[in-house]
């Protein structure tokens, strides 16, 4: 593997390689700012996978975590999909092992299985329909009220959607290691210092944090709120990588990280998996076209069906 020389213009080299290998670089909102700035498209996992379908690129370089690159491969089987660091996993996806989830489903026969997109291809393949944080309410609302529902893997998103839709659901007990870190106590203290600040929260946060929020929504919803709100200050309870895009959208506004518990927890909200991807790894990934995401066709097709059901809505 090539050693990246000190002083190399990584941005220029990445742009050169994009053209050479006919690649599109996708970056999730939670990536570090430099990775976001070199990407062709920035967004959430499903929007990025669909954006790749619209390009004529032969190679998808996905700067995110493993399940996101898998989703891109599911939707783009004819394209080569690579991930800068194959160890960039997801605590939420990992909290839902496929064999345990299968047993969970078997213990609740007759239930419609709704799985959050933050899952492995194998878990998607066990599901009836996939949802995102932005369309979960619509997906749940599309299921007949006489059909009981299993929702996984994020129990906090599931509880939030159940409350919004009035539907009882059997919840898989998964969580995101980042979104459960936020401290209600310390957010309240920060709000005292900045009383005019709006609190923005992702629905993967615990209920006690969501109760404090002025706006709860997906990453794209939080970004829209920043643009639309008259507020000049915001306390942001999600992975702080998104603040880079918030600052671009509203440079005149101030964005404060929602704190975790404890005095040494200022970086608790940074996802260690997302931050495994760096410009150096991105360059090496494009040079070597590796690590590559590969999915057996039979599994890909089974995982594709519940995604297509979601897209039909």
C-alpha atoms as a PDB file:
ATOM      1  CA  UNK A   1       0.000   0.000   0.000  1.00  0.00           C
ATOM      2  CA  UNK A   2       1.318   3.427  -0.908  1.00  0.00           C
ATOM      3  CA  UNK A   3       2.627   5.570   1.915  1.00  0.00           C
ATOM      4  CA  UNK A   4       1.107   9.037   1.663  1.00  0.00           C
ATOM      5  CA  UNK A   5       3.968  11.504   1.418  1.00  0.00           C
ATOM      6  CA  UNK A   6       4.100  14.467   3.772  1.00  0.00           C
ATOM      7  CA  UNK A   7       3.059  17.633   1.998  1.00  0.00           C
ATOM      8  CA  UNK A   8       1.078  15.854  -0.726  1.00  0.00           C
ATOM      9  CA  UNK A   9      -1.960  17.863  -1.841  1.00  0.00           C
ATOM     10  CA  UNK A  10      -4.572  15.264  -0.919  1.00  0.00           C
ATOM     11  CA  UNK A  11      -7.471  17.268  -2.314  1.00  0.00           C
ATOM     12  CA  UNK A  12      -5.786  17.561  -5.725  1.00  0.00           C
ATOM     13  CA  UNK A  13      -4.787  13.882  -5.779  1.00  0.00           C
ATOM     14  CA  UNK A  14      -8.309  12.767  -4.891  1.00  0.00           C
ATOM     15  CA  UNK A  15      -9.775  14.953  -7.628  1.00  0.00           C
ATOM     16  CA  UNK A  16      -7.281  13.456 -10.112  1.00  0.00           C
ATOM     17  CA  UNK A  17      -8.235   9.927  -9.115  1.00  0.00           C
ATOM     18  CA  UNK A  18     -11.954  10.635  -9.382  1.00  0.00           C
ATOM     19  CA  UNK A  19     -11.473  11.351 -13.070  1.00  0.00           C
ATOM     20  CA  UNK A  20      -9.008   8.514 -13.629  1.00  0.00           C
ATOM     21  CA  UNK A  21     -11.231   5.761 -12.221  1.00  0.00           C
ATOM     22  CA  UNK A  22     -14.594   7.433 -12.968  1.00  0.00           C
ATOM     23  CA  UNK A  23     -15.548   7.607  -9.316  1.00  0.00           C
ATOM     24  CA  UNK A  24     -18.091   9.485  -7.270  1.00  0.00           C
ATOM     25  CA  UNK A  25     -17.181  10.271  -3.650  1.00  0.00           C
ATOM     26  CA  UNK A  26     -20.066  10.247  -1.179  1.00  0.00           C
ATOM     27  CA  UNK A  27     -19.755  11.529   2.380  1.00  0.00           C
ATOM     28  CA  UNK A  28     -22.171  11.300   5.271  1.00  0.00           C
ATOM     29  CA  UNK A  29     -22.890  14.406   7.336  1.00  0.00           C
ATOM     30  CA  UNK A  30     -21.010  12.834  10.252  1.00  0.00           C
ATOM     31  CA  UNK A  31     -17.662  12.634   8.450  1.00  0.00           C
ATOM     32  CA  UNK A  32     -14.822  14.969   9.415  1.00  0.00           C
ATOM     33  CA  UNK A  33     -14.948  18.354   7.611  1.00  0.00           C
ATOM     34  CA  UNK A  34     -12.069  17.657   5.195  1.00  0.00           C
ATOM     35  CA  UNK A  35     -13.758  14.491   3.953  1.00  0.00           C
ATOM     36  CA  UNK A  36     -17.035  16.346   3.491  1.00  0.00           C
ATOM     37  CA  UNK A  37     -15.261  19.080   1.525  1.00  0.00           C
ATOM     38  CA  UNK A  38     -13.703  16.675  -0.969  1.00  0.00           C
ATOM     39  CA  UNK A  39     -16.944  14.746  -1.565  1.00  0.00           C
ATOM     40  CA  UNK A  40     -19.136  15.130  -4.644  1.00  0.00           C
ATOM     41  CA  UNK A  41     -22.302  14.654  -2.598  1.00  0.00           C
ATOM     42  CA  UNK A  42     -23.028  14.983   1.129  1.00  0.00           C
ATOM     43  CA  UNK A  43     -26.116  13.579   2.788  1.00  0.00           C
ATOM     44  CA  UNK A  44     -27.631  10.789   4.829  1.00  0.00           C
ATOM     45  CA  UNK A  45     -27.106   7.150   3.938  1.00  0.00           C
ATOM     46  CA  UNK A  46     -30.147   6.477   1.748  1.00  0.00           C
ATOM     47  CA  UNK A  47     -29.998   9.793  -0.097  1.00  0.00           C
ATOM     48  CA  UNK A  48     -26.356   9.144  -0.936  1.00  0.00           C
ATOM     49  CA  UNK A  49     -26.993   5.606  -2.170  1.00  0.00           C
ATOM     50  CA  UNK A  50     -29.767   6.906  -4.410  1.00  0.00           C
ATOM     51  CA  UNK A  51     -27.634   9.815  -5.597  1.00  0.00           C
ATOM     52  CA  UNK A  52     -25.050   7.307  -6.807  1.00  0.00           C
ATOM     53  CA  UNK A  53     -27.740   5.718  -8.985  1.00  0.00           C
ATOM     54  CA  UNK A  54     -28.119   8.994 -10.838  1.00  0.00           C
ATOM     55  CA  UNK A  55     -24.460   9.259 -11.842  1.00  0.00           C
ATOM     56  CA  UNK A  56     -22.564   7.449 -14.582  1.00  0.00           C
ATOM     57  CA  UNK A  57     -19.694   6.733 -12.178  1.00  0.00           C
ATOM     58  CA  UNK A  58     -18.314   3.206 -12.268  1.00  0.00           C
ATOM     59  CA  UNK A  59     -16.914   3.421  -8.737  1.00  0.00           C
ATOM     60  CA  UNK A  60     -18.739   4.550  -5.581  1.00  0.00           C
ATOM     61  CA  UNK A  61     -16.389   5.658  -2.824  1.00  0.00           C
ATOM     62  CA  UNK A  62     -18.552   5.764   0.303  1.00  0.00           C
ATOM     63  CA  UNK A  63     -17.173   7.803   3.190  1.00  0.00           C
ATOM     64  CA  UNK A  64     -19.439   6.560   5.915  1.00  0.00           C
ATOM     65  CA  UNK A  65     -19.846   3.292   7.787  1.00  0.00           C
ATOM     66  CA  UNK A  66     -20.203  -0.291   6.612  1.00  0.00           C
ATOM     67  CA  UNK A  67     -24.005  -0.601   6.473  1.00  0.00           C
ATOM     68  CA  UNK A  68     -24.181   2.577   4.365  1.00  0.00           C
ATOM     69  CA  UNK A  69     -21.755   1.187   1.803  1.00  0.00           C
ATOM     70  CA  UNK A  70     -23.753  -2.055   1.820  1.00  0.00           C
ATOM     71  CA  UNK A  71     -26.935  -0.117   1.061  1.00  0.00           C
ATOM     72  CA  UNK A  72     -25.176   1.598  -1.829  1.00  0.00           C
ATOM     73  CA  UNK A  73     -24.153  -1.805  -3.188  1.00  0.00           C
ATOM     74  CA  UNK A  74     -27.678  -3.167  -2.781  1.00  0.00           C
ATOM     75  CA  UNK A  75     -29.010  -0.314  -4.910  1.00  0.00           C
ATOM     76  CA  UNK A  76     -26.049  -0.225  -7.331  1.00  0.00           C
ATOM     77  CA  UNK A  77     -25.033  -3.843  -7.972  1.00  0.00           C
ATOM     78  CA  UNK A  78     -23.317  -3.040 -11.266  1.00  0.00           C
ATOM     79  CA  UNK A  79     -20.964  -0.509  -9.661  1.00  0.00           C
ATOM     80  CA  UNK A  80     -17.848  -1.157  -7.596  1.00  0.00           C
ATOM     81  CA  UNK A  81     -18.397   0.134  -4.052  1.00  0.00           C
ATOM     82  CA  UNK A  82     -15.410   0.812  -1.804  1.00  0.00           C
ATOM     83  CA  UNK A  83     -15.101   2.044   1.775  1.00  0.00           C
ATOM     84  CA  UNK A  84     -11.947   3.832   3.012  1.00  0.00           C
ATOM     85  CA  UNK A  85     -11.850   1.787   6.234  1.00  0.00           C
ATOM     86  CA  UNK A  86     -13.588  -1.581   6.420  1.00  0.00           C
ATOM     87  CA  UNK A  87     -13.540  -1.343  10.225  1.00  0.00           C
ATOM     88  CA  UNK A  88     -15.874   1.671  10.106  1.00  0.00           C
ATOM     89  CA  UNK A  89     -18.830  -0.090  11.639  1.00  0.00           C
ATOM     90  CA  UNK A  90     -21.941   1.080  13.488  1.00  0.00           C
ATOM     91  CA  UNK A  91     -22.797   0.445  17.122  1.00  0.00           C
ATOM     92  CA  UNK A  92     -26.508   0.470  16.305  1.00  0.00           C
ATOM     93  CA  UNK A  93     -26.178  -2.038  13.477  1.00  0.00           C
ATOM     94  CA  UNK A  94     -23.867  -4.168  15.627  1.00  0.00           C
ATOM     95  CA  UNK A  95     -26.472  -4.181  18.415  1.00  0.00           C
ATOM     96  CA  UNK A  96     -28.745  -6.228  16.160  1.00  0.00           C
ATOM     97  CA  UNK A  97     -27.014  -9.501  15.159  1.00  0.00           C
ATOM     98  CA  UNK A  98     -28.923 -11.296  12.426  1.00  0.00           C
ATOM     99  CA  UNK A  99     -29.337 -14.628  14.261  1.00  0.00           C
ATOM    100  CA  UNK A 100     -30.646 -12.969  17.417  1.00  0.00           C
ATOM    101  CA  UNK A 101     -32.995 -10.781  15.387  1.00  0.00           C
ATOM    102  CA  UNK A 102     -34.311 -13.835  13.531  1.00  0.00           C
ATOM    103  CA  UNK A 103     -35.104 -15.519  16.849  1.00  0.00           C
ATOM    104  CA  UNK A 104     -36.773 -12.320  18.061  1.00  0.00           C
ATOM    105  CA  UNK A 105     -39.018 -12.303  14.983  1.00  0.00           C
ATOM    106  CA  UNK A 106     -39.869 -15.974  15.483  1.00  0.00           C
ATOM    107  CA  UNK A 107     -41.008 -15.203  19.031  1.00  0.00           C
ATOM    108  CA  UNK A 108     -43.502 -12.664  17.630  1.00  0.00           C
ATOM    109  CA  UNK A 109     -45.262 -14.418  14.750  1.00  0.00           C
ATOM    110  CA  UNK A 110     -47.658 -12.431  12.584  1.00  0.00           C
ATOM    111  CA  UNK A 111     -45.843  -9.132  13.096  1.00  0.00           C
ATOM    112  CA  UNK A 112     -44.791  -6.820  10.290  1.00  0.00           C
ATOM    113  CA  UNK A 113     -41.041  -6.246  10.609  1.00  0.00           C
ATOM    114  CA  UNK A 114     -39.924  -2.645  10.148  1.00  0.00           C
ATOM    115  CA  UNK A 115     -36.174  -2.155  10.268  1.00  0.00           C
ATOM    116  CA  UNK A 116     -34.304   1.127  10.454  1.00  0.00           C
ATOM    117  CA  UNK A 117     -31.848   1.550   7.607  1.00  0.00           C
ATOM    118  CA  UNK A 118     -28.990   1.453  10.162  1.00  0.00           C
ATOM    119  CA  UNK A 119     -28.781  -2.340   9.892  1.00  0.00           C
ATOM    120  CA  UNK A 120     -26.770  -4.946   8.041  1.00  0.00           C
ATOM    121  CA  UNK A 121     -27.888  -6.348   4.699  1.00  0.00           C
ATOM    122  CA  UNK A 122     -28.678  -9.625   6.482  1.00  0.00           C
ATOM    123  CA  UNK A 123     -31.082  -7.900   8.892  1.00  0.00           C
ATOM    124  CA  UNK A 124     -32.666  -5.945   6.043  1.00  0.00           C
ATOM    125  CA  UNK A 125     -33.292  -9.272   4.312  1.00  0.00           C
ATOM    126  CA  UNK A 126     -35.400 -10.428   7.302  1.00  0.00           C
ATOM    127  CA  UNK A 127     -37.543  -7.289   7.180  1.00  0.00           C
ATOM    128  CA  UNK A 128     -40.821  -6.441   5.488  1.00  0.00           C
ATOM    129  CA  UNK A 129     -39.983  -2.788   4.982  1.00  0.00           C
ATOM    130  CA  UNK A 130     -37.088  -0.439   5.758  1.00  0.00           C
ATOM    131  CA  UNK A 131     -37.416   3.092   7.122  1.00  0.00           C
ATOM    132  CA  UNK A 132     -35.217   6.102   7.743  1.00  0.00           C
ATOM    133  CA  UNK A 133     -35.514   8.592  10.584  1.00  0.00           C
ATOM    134  CA  UNK A 134     -37.185  11.032   8.183  1.00  0.00           C
ATOM    135  CA  UNK A 135     -39.841   8.662   6.827  1.00  0.00           C
ATOM    136  CA  UNK A 136     -40.393   6.290   9.771  1.00  0.00           C
ATOM    137  CA  UNK A 137     -43.759   7.817  10.681  1.00  0.00           C
ATOM    138  CA  UNK A 138     -44.987   7.444   7.100  1.00  0.00           C
ATOM    139  CA  UNK A 139     -43.799   3.851   6.879  1.00  0.00           C
ATOM    140  CA  UNK A 140     -45.490   2.912  10.151  1.00  0.00           C
ATOM    141  CA  UNK A 141     -48.643   4.730   9.044  1.00  0.00           C
ATOM    142  CA  UNK A 142     -48.769   2.626   5.868  1.00  0.00           C
ATOM    143  CA  UNK A 143     -49.203  -0.594   7.868  1.00  0.00           C
ATOM    144  CA  UNK A 144     -52.774  -1.673   8.610  1.00  0.00           C
ATOM    145  CA  UNK A 145     -53.738  -0.985  12.211  1.00  0.00           C
ATOM    146  CA  UNK A 146     -54.753  -4.617  12.737  1.00  0.00           C
ATOM    147  CA  UNK A 147     -51.199  -5.775  11.994  1.00  0.00           C
ATOM    148  CA  UNK A 148     -48.803  -5.776  14.975  1.00  0.00           C
ATOM    149  CA  UNK A 149     -45.331  -4.349  14.353  1.00  0.00           C
ATOM    150  CA  UNK A 150     -41.785  -5.221  15.282  1.00  0.00           C
ATOM    151  CA  UNK A 151     -39.441  -2.227  15.069  1.00  0.00           C
ATOM    152  CA  UNK A 152     -35.691  -2.466  15.216  1.00  0.00           C
ATOM    153  CA  UNK A 153     -32.986  -1.854  16.025  1.00  0.00           C
ATOM    154  CA  UNK A 154     -33.108   1.600  17.680  1.00  0.00           C
ATOM    155  CA  UNK A 155     -35.437   1.548  20.665  1.00  0.00           C
ATOM    156  CA  UNK A 156     -35.359   5.323  21.121  1.00  0.00           C
ATOM    157  CA  UNK A 157     -36.388   6.029  17.524  1.00  0.00           C
ATOM    158  CA  UNK A 158     -39.008   3.286  17.878  1.00  0.00           C
ATOM    159  CA  UNK A 159     -40.439   4.822  21.046  1.00  0.00           C
ATOM    160  CA  UNK A 160     -40.489   8.265  19.436  1.00  0.00           C
ATOM    161  CA  UNK A 161     -42.295   6.999  16.311  1.00  0.00           C
ATOM    162  CA  UNK A 162     -44.741   4.983  18.408  1.00  0.00           C
ATOM    163  CA  UNK A 163     -45.613   8.135  20.341  1.00  0.00           C
ATOM    164  CA  UNK A 164     -46.025  10.176  17.147  1.00  0.00           C
ATOM    165  CA  UNK A 165     -48.170   7.578  15.359  1.00  0.00           C
ATOM    166  CA  UNK A 166     -50.095   6.148  18.309  1.00  0.00           C
ATOM    167  CA  UNK A 167     -49.047   2.622  17.308  1.00  0.00           C
ATOM    168  CA  UNK A 168     -47.869   0.064  19.810  1.00  0.00           C
ATOM    169  CA  UNK A 169     -44.735  -1.713  18.626  1.00  0.00           C
ATOM    170  CA  UNK A 170     -42.465  -4.452  19.877  1.00  0.00           C
ATOM    171  CA  UNK A 171     -39.054  -2.775  20.062  1.00  0.00           C
ATOM    172  CA  UNK A 172     -35.669  -4.388  19.588  1.00  0.00           C
ATOM    173  CA  UNK A 173     -33.461  -2.987  22.415  1.00  0.00           C
ATOM    174  CA  UNK A 174     -30.693  -1.428  20.292  1.00  0.00           C
ATOM    175  CA  UNK A 175     -29.096   1.990  20.692  1.00  0.00           C
ATOM    176  CA  UNK A 176     -26.551   4.277  19.034  1.00  0.00           C
ATOM    177  CA  UNK A 177     -23.462   4.767  21.180  1.00  0.00           C
ATOM    178  CA  UNK A 178     -23.304   8.446  20.206  1.00  0.00           C
ATOM    179  CA  UNK A 179     -26.911   9.489  20.711  1.00  0.00           C
ATOM    180  CA  UNK A 180     -27.258   7.918  24.168  1.00  0.00           C
ATOM    181  CA  UNK A 181     -24.281   9.954  25.458  1.00  0.00           C
ATOM    182  CA  UNK A 182     -26.044  13.306  25.679  1.00  0.00           C
ATOM    183  CA  UNK A 183     -26.666  14.557  29.201  1.00  0.00           C
ATOM    184  CA  UNK A 184     -30.042  16.075  30.030  1.00  0.00           C
ATOM    185  CA  UNK A 185     -28.504  17.755  33.083  1.00  0.00           C
ATOM    186  CA  UNK A 186     -25.652  19.391  31.183  1.00  0.00           C
ATOM    187  CA  UNK A 187     -27.878  20.429  28.267  1.00  0.00           C
ATOM    188  CA  UNK A 188     -30.127  22.210  30.779  1.00  0.00           C
ATOM    189  CA  UNK A 189     -27.077  24.016  32.202  1.00  0.00           C
ATOM    190  CA  UNK A 190     -25.964  25.016  28.701  1.00  0.00           C
ATOM    191  CA  UNK A 191     -29.455  26.299  27.961  1.00  0.00           C
ATOM    192  CA  UNK A 192     -29.213  28.568  31.035  1.00  0.00           C
ATOM    193  CA  UNK A 193     -26.035  30.089  29.569  1.00  0.00           C
ATOM    194  CA  UNK A 194     -27.635  30.457  26.132  1.00  0.00           C
ATOM    195  CA  UNK A 195     -31.350  30.960  26.855  1.00  0.00           C
ATOM    196  CA  UNK A 196     -32.212  31.975  23.293  1.00  0.00           C
ATOM    197  CA  UNK A 197     -30.613  28.879  21.746  1.00  0.00           C
ATOM    198  CA  UNK A 198     -32.822  26.294  20.106  1.00  0.00           C
ATOM    199  CA  UNK A 199     -32.130  22.683  21.028  1.00  0.00           C
ATOM    200  CA  UNK A 200     -31.983  20.375  17.995  1.00  0.00           C
ATOM    201  CA  UNK A 201     -32.029  16.607  18.550  1.00  0.00           C
ATOM    202  CA  UNK A 202     -31.956  13.453  16.467  1.00  0.00           C
ATOM    203  CA  UNK A 203     -34.688  10.921  17.403  1.00  0.00           C
ATOM    204  CA  UNK A 204     -32.048   8.310  18.294  1.00  0.00           C
ATOM    205  CA  UNK A 205     -31.487  10.346  21.488  1.00  0.00           C
ATOM    206  CA  UNK A 206     -32.992   9.240  24.774  1.00  0.00           C
ATOM    207  CA  UNK A 207     -36.509  10.426  25.600  1.00  0.00           C
ATOM    208  CA  UNK A 208     -35.329  12.753  28.367  1.00  0.00           C
ATOM    209  CA  UNK A 209     -33.183  14.622  25.829  1.00  0.00           C
ATOM    210  CA  UNK A 210     -35.923  14.718  23.187  1.00  0.00           C
ATOM    211  CA  UNK A 211     -38.260  16.280  25.767  1.00  0.00           C
ATOM    212  CA  UNK A 212     -35.902  19.268  25.951  1.00  0.00           C
ATOM    213  CA  UNK A 213     -35.668  19.728  22.183  1.00  0.00           C
ATOM    214  CA  UNK A 214     -37.290  22.540  20.225  1.00  0.00           C
ATOM    215  CA  UNK A 215     -36.943  20.463  17.054  1.00  0.00           C
ATOM    216  CA  UNK A 216     -36.540  16.695  16.650  1.00  0.00           C
ATOM    217  CA  UNK A 217     -35.665  15.301  13.258  1.00  0.00           C
ATOM    218  CA  UNK A 218     -33.367  13.479  10.870  1.00  0.00           C
ATOM    219  CA  UNK A 219     -30.065  14.982   9.772  1.00  0.00           C
ATOM    220  CA  UNK A 220     -31.694  16.633   6.750  1.00  0.00           C
ATOM    221  CA  UNK A 221     -34.512  17.940   8.933  1.00  0.00           C
ATOM    222  CA  UNK A 222     -32.060  19.470  11.401  1.00  0.00           C
ATOM    223  CA  UNK A 223     -30.253  21.218   8.563  1.00  0.00           C
ATOM    224  CA  UNK A 224     -33.508  22.613   7.208  1.00  0.00           C
ATOM    225  CA  UNK A 225     -34.433  23.872  10.669  1.00  0.00           C
ATOM    226  CA  UNK A 226     -31.144  25.774  10.925  1.00  0.00           C
ATOM    227  CA  UNK A 227     -31.956  27.627   7.695  1.00  0.00           C
ATOM    228  CA  UNK A 228     -35.609  28.293   8.489  1.00  0.00           C
ATOM    229  CA  UNK A 229     -35.433  29.187  12.182  1.00  0.00           C
ATOM    230  CA  UNK A 230     -35.045  32.826  13.271  1.00  0.00           C
ATOM    231  CA  UNK A 231     -32.874  31.614  16.165  1.00  0.00           C
ATOM    232  CA  UNK A 232     -29.246  32.735  16.125  1.00  0.00           C
ATOM    233  CA  UNK A 233     -27.885  30.005  18.392  1.00  0.00           C
ATOM    234  CA  UNK A 234     -28.415  26.240  18.440  1.00  0.00           C
ATOM    235  CA  UNK A 235     -27.510  23.409  20.804  1.00  0.00           C
ATOM    236  CA  UNK A 236     -26.996  20.386  18.552  1.00  0.00           C
ATOM    237  CA  UNK A 237     -27.702  16.914  19.972  1.00  0.00           C
ATOM    238  CA  UNK A 238     -26.360  14.683  17.240  1.00  0.00           C
ATOM    239  CA  UNK A 239     -22.932  13.759  15.855  1.00  0.00           C
ATOM    240  CA  UNK A 240     -21.064  17.079  15.545  1.00  0.00           C
ATOM    241  CA  UNK A 241     -19.816  16.419  12.016  1.00  0.00           C
ATOM    242  CA  UNK A 242     -23.098  17.908  10.847  1.00  0.00           C
ATOM    243  CA  UNK A 243     -22.131  21.283  12.328  1.00  0.00           C
ATOM    244  CA  UNK A 244     -19.735  21.768   9.398  1.00  0.00           C
ATOM    245  CA  UNK A 245     -22.693  21.856   7.021  1.00  0.00           C
ATOM    246  CA  UNK A 246     -24.771  23.952   9.429  1.00  0.00           C
ATOM    247  CA  UNK A 247     -22.029  26.580   9.480  1.00  0.00           C
ATOM    248  CA  UNK A 248     -21.983  26.640   5.691  1.00  0.00           C
ATOM    249  CA  UNK A 249     -25.756  27.057   5.520  1.00  0.00           C
ATOM    250  CA  UNK A 250     -25.886  29.769   8.182  1.00  0.00           C
ATOM    251  CA  UNK A 251     -22.414  31.261   8.806  1.00  0.00           C
ATOM    252  CA  UNK A 252     -23.916  34.080  10.852  1.00  0.00           C
ATOM    253  CA  UNK A 253     -25.321  31.651  13.435  1.00  0.00           C
ATOM    254  CA  UNK A 254     -23.660  29.911  16.373  1.00  0.00           C
ATOM    255  CA  UNK A 255     -23.683  26.145  16.933  1.00  0.00           C
ATOM    256  CA  UNK A 256     -22.928  24.496  20.259  1.00  0.00           C
ATOM    257  CA  UNK A 257     -22.316  20.794  20.777  1.00  0.00           C
ATOM    258  CA  UNK A 258     -24.761  19.225  23.198  1.00  0.00           C
ATOM    259  CA  UNK A 259     -22.587  17.906  26.051  1.00  0.00           C
ATOM    260  CA  UNK A 260     -22.270  14.372  27.297  1.00  0.00           C
ATOM    261  CA  UNK A 261     -22.180  13.420  30.971  1.00  0.00           C
ATOM    262  CA  UNK A 262     -19.006  14.193  32.890  1.00  0.00           C
ATOM    263  CA  UNK A 263     -16.382  16.939  32.600  1.00  0.00           C
ATOM    264  CA  UNK A 264     -14.176  14.936  30.199  1.00  0.00           C
ATOM    265  CA  UNK A 265     -16.952  14.105  27.758  1.00  0.00           C
ATOM    266  CA  UNK A 266     -16.695  16.920  25.224  1.00  0.00           C
ATOM    267  CA  UNK A 267     -15.812  14.419  22.467  1.00  0.00           C
ATOM    268  CA  UNK A 268     -18.354  11.759  23.474  1.00  0.00           C
ATOM    269  CA  UNK A 269     -20.663  12.776  20.661  1.00  0.00           C
ATOM    270  CA  UNK A 270     -18.045  12.055  17.984  1.00  0.00           C
ATOM    271  CA  UNK A 271     -18.682   8.685  16.369  1.00  0.00           C
ATOM    272  CA  UNK A 272     -15.385   6.760  16.464  1.00  0.00           C
ATOM    273  CA  UNK A 273     -16.519   4.630  13.518  1.00  0.00           C
ATOM    274  CA  UNK A 274     -17.331   7.595  11.281  1.00  0.00           C
ATOM    275  CA  UNK A 275     -14.020   9.208  12.181  1.00  0.00           C
ATOM    276  CA  UNK A 276     -12.034   6.175  10.996  1.00  0.00           C
ATOM    277  CA  UNK A 277     -12.309   7.547   7.469  1.00  0.00           C
ATOM    278  CA  UNK A 278      -9.604  10.114   6.678  1.00  0.00           C
ATOM    279  CA  UNK A 279      -8.319  11.844   3.557  1.00  0.00           C
ATOM    280  CA  UNK A 280      -5.258   9.572   3.588  1.00  0.00           C
ATOM    281  CA  UNK A 281      -7.383   6.417   3.728  1.00  0.00           C
ATOM    282  CA  UNK A 282      -9.695   7.846   1.077  1.00  0.00           C
ATOM    283  CA  UNK A 283      -6.761   8.385  -1.276  1.00  0.00           C
ATOM    284  CA  UNK A 284      -5.390   4.881  -0.685  1.00  0.00           C
ATOM    285  CA  UNK A 285      -8.848   3.375  -1.142  1.00  0.00           C
ATOM    286  CA  UNK A 286      -9.201   5.065  -4.538  1.00  0.00           C
ATOM    287  CA  UNK A 287      -5.724   4.029  -5.632  1.00  0.00           C
ATOM    288  CA  UNK A 288      -6.247   0.382  -4.695  1.00  0.00           C
ATOM    289  CA  UNK A 289     -10.028   0.144  -5.276  1.00  0.00           C
ATOM    290  CA  UNK A 290     -10.122  -1.580  -1.922  1.00  0.00           C
ATOM    291  CA  UNK A 291     -11.607  -2.431   0.557  1.00  0.00           C
ATOM    292  CA  UNK A 292     -14.514  -3.411  -1.703  1.00  0.00           C
ATOM    293  CA  UNK A 293     -18.051  -4.136  -0.520  1.00  0.00           C
ATOM    294  CA  UNK A 294     -19.380  -7.389  -1.944  1.00  0.00           C
ATOM    295  CA  UNK A 295     -22.768  -8.975  -1.270  1.00  0.00           C
ATOM    296  CA  UNK A 296     -23.998 -12.352  -2.497  1.00  0.00           C
ATOM    297  CA  UNK A 297     -26.696 -11.801  -5.113  1.00  0.00           C
ATOM    298  CA  UNK A 298     -29.340 -13.857  -3.307  1.00  0.00           C
ATOM    299  CA  UNK A 299     -28.849 -11.814  -0.122  1.00  0.00           C
ATOM    300  CA  UNK A 300     -28.737  -8.568  -2.087  1.00  0.00           C
ATOM    301  CA  UNK A 301     -32.101  -9.287  -3.700  1.00  0.00           C
ATOM    302  CA  UNK A 302     -33.713 -10.197  -0.376  1.00  0.00           C
ATOM    303  CA  UNK A 303     -32.359  -7.001   1.194  1.00  0.00           C
ATOM    304  CA  UNK A 304     -33.458  -4.950  -1.810  1.00  0.00           C
ATOM    305  CA  UNK A 305     -37.140  -5.893  -1.536  1.00  0.00           C
ATOM    306  CA  UNK A 306     -37.895  -4.102   1.764  1.00  0.00           C
ATOM    307  CA  UNK A 307     -35.957  -1.049   0.549  1.00  0.00           C
ATOM    308  CA  UNK A 308     -38.072  -0.974  -2.607  1.00  0.00           C
ATOM    309  CA  UNK A 309     -41.232  -1.198  -0.498  1.00  0.00           C
ATOM    310  CA  UNK A 310     -40.089   1.871   1.390  1.00  0.00           C
ATOM    311  CA  UNK A 311     -39.304   3.743  -1.819  1.00  0.00           C
ATOM    312  CA  UNK A 312     -42.772   2.929  -3.200  1.00  0.00           C
ATOM    313  CA  UNK A 313     -44.212   4.988  -0.343  1.00  0.00           C
END
